[in-house]
Amino acid sequence: MEVFRPKSAVVIEKEVNPPSKVLHIHLQSNSTPQMDLPAVIGFLKRFGKVQYVVVIANFRQLLAEMDNIYTATRIYQFSHGGGISIANATYYIDYSRSQHINREYTYRRIYPIHKGEKVLLATVHNPLLPITIEVLGSLLKPLECVRCVLFNNTGIQFLAEFATAEQAEKVRDMLDGREIYQDCCFLKVVYATNAKTLAVKYNNSKMRDFTRPDLPYGPPFEPGSRVRPRR
């Protein structure tokens, strides 16, 4: 049977980037709201060492730099340039247009003016290992943090509230530019100028009130939900 094609129709082939040790991984459009980052990194580690990752596009895409181009090529060939299933979600893997991920090896710390904020906003760079509310609790509770909220709207970030502005300033100076784990999970910490306090109603996988262990677990936290600090 002959297939009719209008004369004006143009068949566009997918452009394939040249081989690179940086891979672009993205969720299928009708798949889960956000990627399962530990599962994706675990998949990549089956082939070799992951050097650096950057989460983009509302936690639906990932740039991953492998240790060399041969490792990246094995992953690309395994996926056949098509969709693969990781943790019950479909991902597509392509070569990135970049040959490496830009990053600062030596972080130049800045010292912003402290205007009495008690809430800190921290961004986790190169999150090769899982960042959970329990991990943050072990880090922040000894530093007299009273409330914490973990979220991933644009990357892995968390808000941490302290009882006094003086303690918040002390902790920011202590944690800014540090790593949670060796050689990964690098912190950039700023003052959360738009948040006076954190409204934590539950102690669950995304939020914790260290002064209220009696709080209920609450409803499941939906991926992609926005965190709204109290102003």
C-alpha atoms as a PDB file:
ATOM      1  CA  MET A   1       0.000   0.000   0.000  1.00  0.00           C
ATOM      2  CA  GLU A   2       1.411   3.380  -1.011  1.00  0.00           C
ATOM      3  CA  VAL A   3       1.679   5.966   1.736  1.00  0.00           C
ATOM      4  CA  PHE A   4       0.641   9.461   0.698  1.00  0.00           C
ATOM      5  CA  ARG A   5       3.037  12.252   1.624  1.00  0.00           C
ATOM      6  CA  PRO A   6       2.216  15.863   0.763  1.00  0.00           C
ATOM      7  CA  LYS A   7       4.869  17.443  -1.461  1.00  0.00           C
ATOM      8  CA  SER A   8       5.556  20.022   1.202  1.00  0.00           C
ATOM      9  CA  ALA A   9       6.229  17.414   3.880  1.00  0.00           C
ATOM     10  CA  VAL A  10       9.786  17.267   5.124  1.00  0.00           C
ATOM     11  CA  VAL A  11      11.130  14.340   7.116  1.00  0.00           C
ATOM     12  CA  ILE A  12      13.357  15.722   9.879  1.00  0.00           C
ATOM     13  CA  GLU A  13      15.885  13.322  11.312  1.00  0.00           C
ATOM     14  CA  LYS A  14      16.992  13.676  14.884  1.00  0.00           C
ATOM     15  CA  GLU A  15      20.281  15.511  15.171  1.00  0.00           C
ATOM     16  CA  VAL A  16      22.869  13.448  17.019  1.00  0.00           C
ATOM     17  CA  ASN A  17      25.557  15.301  18.922  1.00  0.00           C
ATOM     18  CA  PRO A  18      29.145  14.066  18.577  1.00  0.00           C
ATOM     19  CA  PRO A  19      30.393  11.734  21.334  1.00  0.00           C
ATOM     20  CA  SER A  20      31.049  13.442  24.659  1.00  0.00           C
ATOM     21  CA  LYS A  21      31.768  12.283  28.185  1.00  0.00           C
ATOM     22  CA  VAL A  22      28.839  14.477  29.247  1.00  0.00           C
ATOM     23  CA  LEU A  23      25.434  12.835  28.886  1.00  0.00           C
ATOM     24  CA  HIS A  24      22.063  14.564  28.712  1.00  0.00           C
ATOM     25  CA  ILE A  25      19.412  12.455  30.465  1.00  0.00           C
ATOM     26  CA  HIS A  26      15.756  13.445  30.478  1.00  0.00           C
ATOM     27  CA  LEU A  27      12.430  12.001  31.508  1.00  0.00           C
ATOM     28  CA  GLN A  28       9.814  11.000  28.983  1.00  0.00           C
ATOM     29  CA  SER A  29       7.210  13.770  28.758  1.00  0.00           C
ATOM     30  CA  ASN A  30       4.344  11.658  30.122  1.00  0.00           C
ATOM     31  CA  SER A  31       6.442   9.928  32.768  1.00  0.00           C
ATOM     32  CA  THR A  32       6.697  10.745  36.497  1.00  0.00           C
ATOM     33  CA  PRO A  33       6.769  14.449  37.553  1.00  0.00           C
ATOM     34  CA  GLN A  34      10.419  14.349  38.634  1.00  0.00           C
ATOM     35  CA  MET A  35      13.354  12.033  38.144  1.00  0.00           C
ATOM     36  CA  ASP A  36      14.539   9.593  40.772  1.00  0.00           C
ATOM     37  CA  LEU A  37      18.048  11.017  41.100  1.00  0.00           C
ATOM     38  CA  PRO A  38      19.599   8.238  43.272  1.00  0.00           C
ATOM     39  CA  ALA A  39      18.233   5.599  40.869  1.00  0.00           C
ATOM     40  CA  VAL A  40      19.593   7.392  37.792  1.00  0.00           C
ATOM     41  CA  ILE A  41      23.027   7.915  39.369  1.00  0.00           C
ATOM     42  CA  GLY A  42      23.030   4.285  40.486  1.00  0.00           C
ATOM     43  CA  PHE A  43      22.346   3.234  36.884  1.00  0.00           C
ATOM     44  CA  LEU A  44      25.231   5.368  35.588  1.00  0.00           C
ATOM     45  CA  LYS A  45      27.631   3.984  38.203  1.00  0.00           C
ATOM     46  CA  ARG A  46      27.104   0.480  36.795  1.00  0.00           C
ATOM     47  CA  PHE A  47      29.215   1.577  33.814  1.00  0.00           C
ATOM     48  CA  GLY A  48      31.897   3.652  35.528  1.00  0.00           C
ATOM     49  CA  LYS A  49      32.650   6.650  37.698  1.00  0.00           C
ATOM     50  CA  VAL A  50      30.357   9.666  37.657  1.00  0.00           C
ATOM     51  CA  GLN A  51      32.410  12.827  38.001  1.00  0.00           C
ATOM     52  CA  TYR A  52      29.806  15.575  38.240  1.00  0.00           C
ATOM     53  CA  VAL A  53      26.056  16.043  37.838  1.00  0.00           C
ATOM     54  CA  VAL A  54      23.787  19.041  37.361  1.00  0.00           C
ATOM     55  CA  VAL A  55      20.004  18.831  37.703  1.00  0.00           C
ATOM     56  CA  ILE A  56      18.047  21.094  35.350  1.00  0.00           C
ATOM     57  CA  ALA A  57      14.520  21.774  34.056  1.00  0.00           C
ATOM     58  CA  ASN A  58      12.511  21.358  37.259  1.00  0.00           C
ATOM     59  CA  PHE A  59      14.232  18.109  38.175  1.00  0.00           C
ATOM     60  CA  ARG A  60      13.277  16.433  34.889  1.00  0.00           C
ATOM     61  CA  GLN A  61      16.683  16.582  33.192  1.00  0.00           C
ATOM     62  CA  LEU A  62      20.235  15.779  34.211  1.00  0.00           C
ATOM     63  CA  LEU A  63      23.694  16.505  32.861  1.00  0.00           C
ATOM     64  CA  ALA A  64      26.149  13.824  33.964  1.00  0.00           C
ATOM     65  CA  GLU A  65      29.875  13.964  33.302  1.00  0.00           C
ATOM     66  CA  MET A  66      31.467  10.526  33.279  1.00  0.00           C
ATOM     67  CA  ASP A  67      35.136   9.792  33.957  1.00  0.00           C
ATOM     68  CA  ASN A  68      35.911   9.374  30.239  1.00  0.00           C
ATOM     69  CA  ILE A  69      34.292   9.287  26.830  1.00  0.00           C
ATOM     70  CA  TYR A  70      34.443   5.482  26.634  1.00  0.00           C
ATOM     71  CA  THR A  71      32.231   5.100  29.695  1.00  0.00           C
ATOM     72  CA  ALA A  72      29.764   7.632  28.297  1.00  0.00           C
ATOM     73  CA  THR A  73      29.735   5.831  24.937  1.00  0.00           C
ATOM     74  CA  ARG A  74      28.928   2.496  26.606  1.00  0.00           C
ATOM     75  CA  ILE A  75      25.947   4.098  28.362  1.00  0.00           C
ATOM     76  CA  TYR A  76      24.752   5.754  25.154  1.00  0.00           C
ATOM     77  CA  GLN A  77      25.077   2.517  23.180  1.00  0.00           C
ATOM     78  CA  PHE A  78      23.261   0.602  25.920  1.00  0.00           C
ATOM     79  CA  SER A  79      20.298   2.944  25.546  1.00  0.00           C
ATOM     80  CA  HIS A  80      20.513   2.778  21.726  1.00  0.00           C
ATOM     81  CA  GLY A  81      19.722   6.481  21.752  1.00  0.00           C
ATOM     82  CA  GLY A  82      16.190   5.590  22.815  1.00  0.00           C
ATOM     83  CA  GLY A  83      14.162   5.204  25.968  1.00  0.00           C
ATOM     84  CA  ILE A  84      15.228   2.973  28.846  1.00  0.00           C
ATOM     85  CA  SER A  85      13.424   2.119  32.067  1.00  0.00           C
ATOM     86  CA  ILE A  86      14.953   3.193  35.392  1.00  0.00           C
ATOM     87  CA  ALA A  87      12.911   2.784  38.590  1.00  0.00           C
ATOM     88  CA  ASN A  88       9.657   2.389  36.621  1.00  0.00           C
ATOM     89  CA  ALA A  89      10.161   5.588  34.620  1.00  0.00           C
ATOM     90  CA  THR A  90      11.312   6.081  31.036  1.00  0.00           C
ATOM     91  CA  TYR A  91      14.462   8.105  30.359  1.00  0.00           C
ATOM     92  CA  TYR A  92      16.218   9.158  27.161  1.00  0.00           C
ATOM     93  CA  ILE A  93      19.993   9.453  26.996  1.00  0.00           C
ATOM     94  CA  ASP A  94      21.889  11.574  24.483  1.00  0.00           C
ATOM     95  CA  TYR A  95      25.338  13.055  24.190  1.00  0.00           C
ATOM     96  CA  SER A  96      25.519  16.608  25.480  1.00  0.00           C
ATOM     97  CA  ARG A  97      26.706  19.405  23.215  1.00  0.00           C
ATOM     98  CA  SER A  98      29.336  20.172  25.859  1.00  0.00           C
ATOM     99  CA  GLN A  99      32.508  18.178  26.382  1.00  0.00           C
ATOM    100  CA  HIS A 100      32.627  18.939  30.107  1.00  0.00           C
ATOM    101  CA  ILE A 101      30.491  20.540  32.821  1.00  0.00           C
ATOM    102  CA  ASN A 102      31.643  23.943  33.950  1.00  0.00           C
ATOM    103  CA  ARG A 103      32.175  24.185  37.689  1.00  0.00           C
ATOM    104  CA  GLU A 104      34.261  26.052  40.202  1.00  0.00           C
ATOM    105  CA  TYR A 105      36.947  23.846  41.695  1.00  0.00           C
ATOM    106  CA  THR A 106      37.854  26.552  44.194  1.00  0.00           C
ATOM    107  CA  TYR A 107      34.779  28.289  45.520  1.00  0.00           C
ATOM    108  CA  ARG A 108      35.298  31.967  46.238  1.00  0.00           C
ATOM    109  CA  ARG A 109      33.257  32.573  49.348  1.00  0.00           C
ATOM    110  CA  ILE A 110      31.260  35.757  49.629  1.00  0.00           C
ATOM    111  CA  TYR A 111      30.157  37.506  52.787  1.00  0.00           C
ATOM    112  CA  PRO A 112      26.726  39.063  52.247  1.00  0.00           C
ATOM    113  CA  ILE A 113      25.365  41.662  54.630  1.00  0.00           C
ATOM    114  CA  HIS A 114      23.379  39.989  57.395  1.00  0.00           C
ATOM    115  CA  LYS A 115      20.125  41.819  58.061  1.00  0.00           C
ATOM    116  CA  GLY A 116      18.901  39.681  60.944  1.00  0.00           C
ATOM    117  CA  GLU A 117      17.659  36.693  58.928  1.00  0.00           C
ATOM    118  CA  LYS A 118      17.156  33.485  60.887  1.00  0.00           C
ATOM    119  CA  VAL A 119      16.514  31.267  57.836  1.00  0.00           C
ATOM    120  CA  LEU A 120      19.243  30.005  55.494  1.00  0.00           C
ATOM    121  CA  LEU A 121      18.825  28.781  51.926  1.00  0.00           C
ATOM    122  CA  ALA A 122      21.345  26.145  50.842  1.00  0.00           C
ATOM    123  CA  THR A 123      21.905  24.694  47.371  1.00  0.00           C
ATOM    124  CA  VAL A 124      23.585  21.290  47.024  1.00  0.00           C
ATOM    125  CA  HIS A 125      25.945  21.085  44.032  1.00  0.00           C
ATOM    126  CA  ASN A 126      27.104  17.803  42.518  1.00  0.00           C
ATOM    127  CA  PRO A 127      24.626  15.622  44.499  1.00  0.00           C
ATOM    128  CA  LEU A 128      26.213  12.255  43.732  1.00  0.00           C
ATOM    129  CA  LEU A 129      24.987  10.781  47.026  1.00  0.00           C
ATOM    130  CA  PRO A 130      21.432  10.923  48.417  1.00  0.00           C
ATOM    131  CA  ILE A 131      20.449  13.989  50.429  1.00  0.00           C
ATOM    132  CA  THR A 132      17.597  13.086  52.781  1.00  0.00           C
ATOM    133  CA  ILE A 133      15.919  14.838  55.686  1.00  0.00           C
ATOM    134  CA  GLU A 134      17.758  12.408  57.993  1.00  0.00           C
ATOM    135  CA  VAL A 135      21.121  13.415  56.495  1.00  0.00           C
ATOM    136  CA  LEU A 136      20.242  17.075  56.978  1.00  0.00           C
ATOM    137  CA  GLY A 137      19.107  16.364  60.520  1.00  0.00           C
ATOM    138  CA  SER A 138      22.462  14.836  61.431  1.00  0.00           C
ATOM    139  CA  LEU A 139      24.168  17.884  59.934  1.00  0.00           C
ATOM    140  CA  LEU A 140      21.914  20.668  61.226  1.00  0.00           C
ATOM    141  CA  LYS A 141      20.464  19.523  64.531  1.00  0.00           C
ATOM    142  CA  PRO A 142      23.826  19.689  66.378  1.00  0.00           C
ATOM    143  CA  LEU A 143      24.106  23.257  65.011  1.00  0.00           C
ATOM    144  CA  GLU A 144      20.885  24.219  66.828  1.00  0.00           C
ATOM    145  CA  CYS A 145      18.640  24.218  63.766  1.00  0.00           C
ATOM    146  CA  VAL A 146      14.979  24.266  64.833  1.00  0.00           C
ATOM    147  CA  ARG A 147      13.238  23.561  61.514  1.00  0.00           C
ATOM    148  CA  CYS A 148      14.283  22.318  58.079  1.00  0.00           C
ATOM    149  CA  VAL A 149      12.568  21.851  54.712  1.00  0.00           C
ATOM    150  CA  LEU A 150      14.102  19.872  51.829  1.00  0.00           C
ATOM    151  CA  PHE A 151      12.865  20.544  48.285  1.00  0.00           C
ATOM    152  CA  ASN A 152      13.911  20.068  44.672  1.00  0.00           C
ATOM    153  CA  ASN A 153      12.003  22.551  42.547  1.00  0.00           C
ATOM    154  CA  THR A 154      15.030  23.468  40.415  1.00  0.00           C
ATOM    155  CA  GLY A 155      17.761  21.400  42.082  1.00  0.00           C
ATOM    156  CA  ILE A 156      18.424  20.000  45.536  1.00  0.00           C
ATOM    157  CA  GLN A 157      17.954  22.784  48.073  1.00  0.00           C
ATOM    158  CA  PHE A 158      16.930  23.150  51.690  1.00  0.00           C
ATOM    159  CA  LEU A 159      15.785  25.877  54.066  1.00  0.00           C
ATOM    160  CA  ALA A 160      17.055  25.826  57.639  1.00  0.00           C
ATOM    161  CA  GLU A 161      15.665  27.982  60.433  1.00  0.00           C
ATOM    162  CA  PHE A 162      17.564  28.838  63.609  1.00  0.00           C
ATOM    163  CA  ALA A 163      16.350  30.235  66.917  1.00  0.00           C
ATOM    164  CA  THR A 164      18.445  33.375  66.671  1.00  0.00           C
ATOM    165  CA  ALA A 165      19.891  35.516  63.901  1.00  0.00           C
ATOM    166  CA  GLU A 166      23.322  35.188  65.506  1.00  0.00           C
ATOM    167  CA  GLN A 167      23.234  31.389  65.219  1.00  0.00           C
ATOM    168  CA  ALA A 168      22.073  31.584  61.587  1.00  0.00           C
ATOM    169  CA  GLU A 169      25.017  33.852  60.764  1.00  0.00           C
ATOM    170  CA  LYS A 170      27.440  31.527  62.546  1.00  0.00           C
ATOM    171  CA  VAL A 171      26.144  28.434  60.713  1.00  0.00           C
ATOM    172  CA  ARG A 172      26.186  30.147  57.308  1.00  0.00           C
ATOM    173  CA  ASP A 173      29.846  31.038  57.776  1.00  0.00           C
ATOM    174  CA  MET A 174      30.527  27.473  58.909  1.00  0.00           C
ATOM    175  CA  LEU A 175      28.739  25.589  56.095  1.00  0.00           C
ATOM    176  CA  ASP A 176      29.143  27.826  53.059  1.00  0.00           C
ATOM    177  CA  GLY A 177      31.678  26.262  50.705  1.00  0.00           C
ATOM    178  CA  ARG A 178      31.772  22.938  52.586  1.00  0.00           C
ATOM    179  CA  GLU A 179      30.930  19.406  51.429  1.00  0.00           C
ATOM    180  CA  ILE A 180      28.387  17.111  53.062  1.00  0.00           C
ATOM    181  CA  TYR A 181      30.262  14.086  51.700  1.00  0.00           C
ATOM    182  CA  GLN A 182      33.855  13.966  50.534  1.00  0.00           C
ATOM    183  CA  ASP A 183      34.251  15.258  46.960  1.00  0.00           C
ATOM    184  CA  CYS A 184      30.526  15.803  46.399  1.00  0.00           C
ATOM    185  CA  CYS A 185      27.370  17.476  47.719  1.00  0.00           C
ATOM    186  CA  PHE A 186      29.002  20.890  47.865  1.00  0.00           C
ATOM    187  CA  LEU A 187      27.058  23.626  49.713  1.00  0.00           C
ATOM    188  CA  LYS A 188      26.436  27.218  48.737  1.00  0.00           C
ATOM    189  CA  VAL A 189      24.567  28.940  51.554  1.00  0.00           C
ATOM    190  CA  VAL A 190      22.850  32.335  51.518  1.00  0.00           C
ATOM    191  CA  TYR A 191      20.390  34.132  53.748  1.00  0.00           C
ATOM    192  CA  ALA A 192      16.727  33.508  52.864  1.00  0.00           C
ATOM    193  CA  THR A 193      15.697  37.151  52.719  1.00  0.00           C
ATOM    194  CA  ASN A 194      12.019  36.414  51.951  1.00  0.00           C
ATOM    195  CA  ALA A 195      11.430  33.926  54.778  1.00  0.00           C
ATOM    196  CA  LYS A 196      10.876  34.972  58.385  1.00  0.00           C
ATOM    197  CA  THR A 197      10.153  31.472  59.645  1.00  0.00           C
ATOM    198  CA  LEU A 198       9.274  28.012  58.262  1.00  0.00           C
ATOM    199  CA  ALA A 199       5.757  26.590  58.544  1.00  0.00           C
ATOM    200  CA  VAL A 200       6.384  22.917  59.336  1.00  0.00           C
ATOM    201  CA  LYS A 201       3.198  20.977  60.096  1.00  0.00           C
ATOM    202  CA  TYR A 202       4.588  17.455  59.725  1.00  0.00           C
ATOM    203  CA  ASN A 203       7.739  15.467  60.382  1.00  0.00           C
ATOM    204  CA  ASN A 204       8.106  13.536  57.147  1.00  0.00           C
ATOM    205  CA  SER A 205      10.597  12.853  54.357  1.00  0.00           C
ATOM    206  CA  LYS A 206      10.718  16.494  53.249  1.00  0.00           C
ATOM    207  CA  MET A 207      10.338  18.582  56.407  1.00  0.00           C
ATOM    208  CA  ARG A 208      11.271  18.362  60.046  1.00  0.00           C
ATOM    209  CA  ASP A 209      10.610  20.409  63.196  1.00  0.00           C
ATOM    210  CA  PHE A 210      13.374  19.412  65.602  1.00  0.00           C
ATOM    211  CA  THR A 211      11.542  21.078  68.493  1.00  0.00           C
ATOM    212  CA  ARG A 212       8.331  19.094  67.896  1.00  0.00           C
ATOM    213  CA  PRO A 213       9.014  15.355  67.655  1.00  0.00           C
ATOM    214  CA  ASP A 214       5.296  14.805  68.376  1.00  0.00           C
ATOM    215  CA  LEU A 215       4.189  16.154  64.979  1.00  0.00           C
ATOM    216  CA  PRO A 216       2.425  13.625  62.692  1.00  0.00           C
ATOM    217  CA  TYR A 217       4.015  12.268  59.543  1.00  0.00           C
ATOM    218  CA  GLY A 218       1.250  13.805  57.473  1.00  0.00           C
ATOM    219  CA  PRO A 219       0.245  13.194  53.852  1.00  0.00           C
ATOM    220  CA  PRO A 220       2.828  12.070  51.289  1.00  0.00           C
ATOM    221  CA  PHE A 221       4.865  14.883  49.756  1.00  0.00           C
ATOM    222  CA  GLU A 222       4.009  15.130  46.067  1.00  0.00           C
ATOM    223  CA  PRO A 223       6.976  15.456  43.679  1.00  0.00           C
ATOM    224  CA  GLY A 224       7.109  18.911  42.174  1.00  0.00           C
ATOM    225  CA  SER A 225       5.168  20.515  45.035  1.00  0.00           C
ATOM    226  CA  ARG A 226       6.243  24.049  45.821  1.00  0.00           C
ATOM    227  CA  VAL A 227       7.570  24.933  49.237  1.00  0.00           C
ATOM    228  CA  ARG A 228       6.126  28.180  50.569  1.00  0.00           C
ATOM    229  CA  PRO A 229       8.008  29.715  53.495  1.00  0.00           C
ATOM    230  CA  ARG A 230       6.090  31.886  55.936  1.00  0.00           C
ATOM    231  CA  ARG A 231       6.827  35.581  55.505  1.00  0.00           C
END
